[in-house]
Amino acid sequence: MQTSLEVIGLSKMYNNRYAVKNISFKLNQNEIIGILGPNGCGKTTTIGMILGLLKPTKGKVLVNGVEIEKNRVDLLNQINFISPYIELPKKLTVKQNLEVYGRLYDIKDLNKKIKSLSEKLRLNEIINKITGELSSGQKNRVSLAKSVINDPILLLLDEPTASLDPETGYFVRNFLEDYQKEKKTSILLASHNMAEVERLCSSVLMMNEGSIIDQGNPIDLIKKHGRKNMEEVFLKLARKQT
C-alpha cells in the first residue's frame, strides 16, 4: 500500500522544552488516522510541521516520499487543511473566498468545481453572503469546501466539528466519509470527539506531553485498556491512570 505521509523522528522545541518529541508514524493512501490527546499535547504543532508552516527541530516529514521542508512549494498543491482556529477572509463572500483559493491552487473549470462543492455542502443559499456574517456551522461548511477544492491527496483536519451542533457535525462526518471513499484521500484527523474518531478512523495515535504514548485500532485500544469506549481510553491516558 502506498504511503501518503511519513513522519520520521519529528521534534519541535520552544525555549528548551519539547512541544513534540521524537514522533514517527505513517499514513497510507485511502486511510484515516486519528491523532488524539489533551490540549497542549502537540497535535496542532505536529500538523503545523506537516504543512511546512513550522520548521522541525529534528526529524523529517515526507509526502509521497518527498521531504516537505525542502519541497514545500511543489507539494502544497497536493495538501489542504481545515481548522476552527483559522478563519477565511471575513469581508469576502463565500463565492469570492472559494474563487481566491481555487485560483491559488490553479483549479481548472473553477466555476464547475465551486458549483459541485456548493451542492454537496449545501452552500447554494449562502454562496453570495459575506463570510463574516455566517453562523459557525455555515462557516465550517465553507472552510470544508475550501479544504477539498484542490482534491488533495493529504487532508489535515484539526477539530473539524468543534463547536458544531449535532446535526451539522453529523452532516460533516457523512461528507468526509463519502468524500474519502470517492477520492481515496489520506486524512489525518485531530479531534476531541471520541465517537467521531471511532466512526472514521482505522487507527489512532494517542499523544501526551509531546510524545506518542500508544497507538492502534480504536477497537483494539478499547480492549487493551479495559475500557468501554474511546472516551474512557482517552481519559485514562490523559490522566495517566493504570
Foldseek 3Di string as FASTA:
>chain_A
DQWFKWWAQFWADDPNATLAGGETDTFGFLFEEEEEADPSQNPVVVVCVLLLNDDTPDTFMDGSHHTCVVVVVVQNLQEFEDDPVDAFPQAAFLQVSQVVLCVVSPPPPSVVLVVVLCVLLVPVVRRRPGLNPDDPLNRLSSRVSSRCSSVHLEYEYAASCPPHDPVSVVSVLVSVVVSSVVSSHTYYYYHPPFVSCLVRHQKYFYTGSNYGPDMGGQVVLCVVVVHDGVNVSRVCVNVVHD
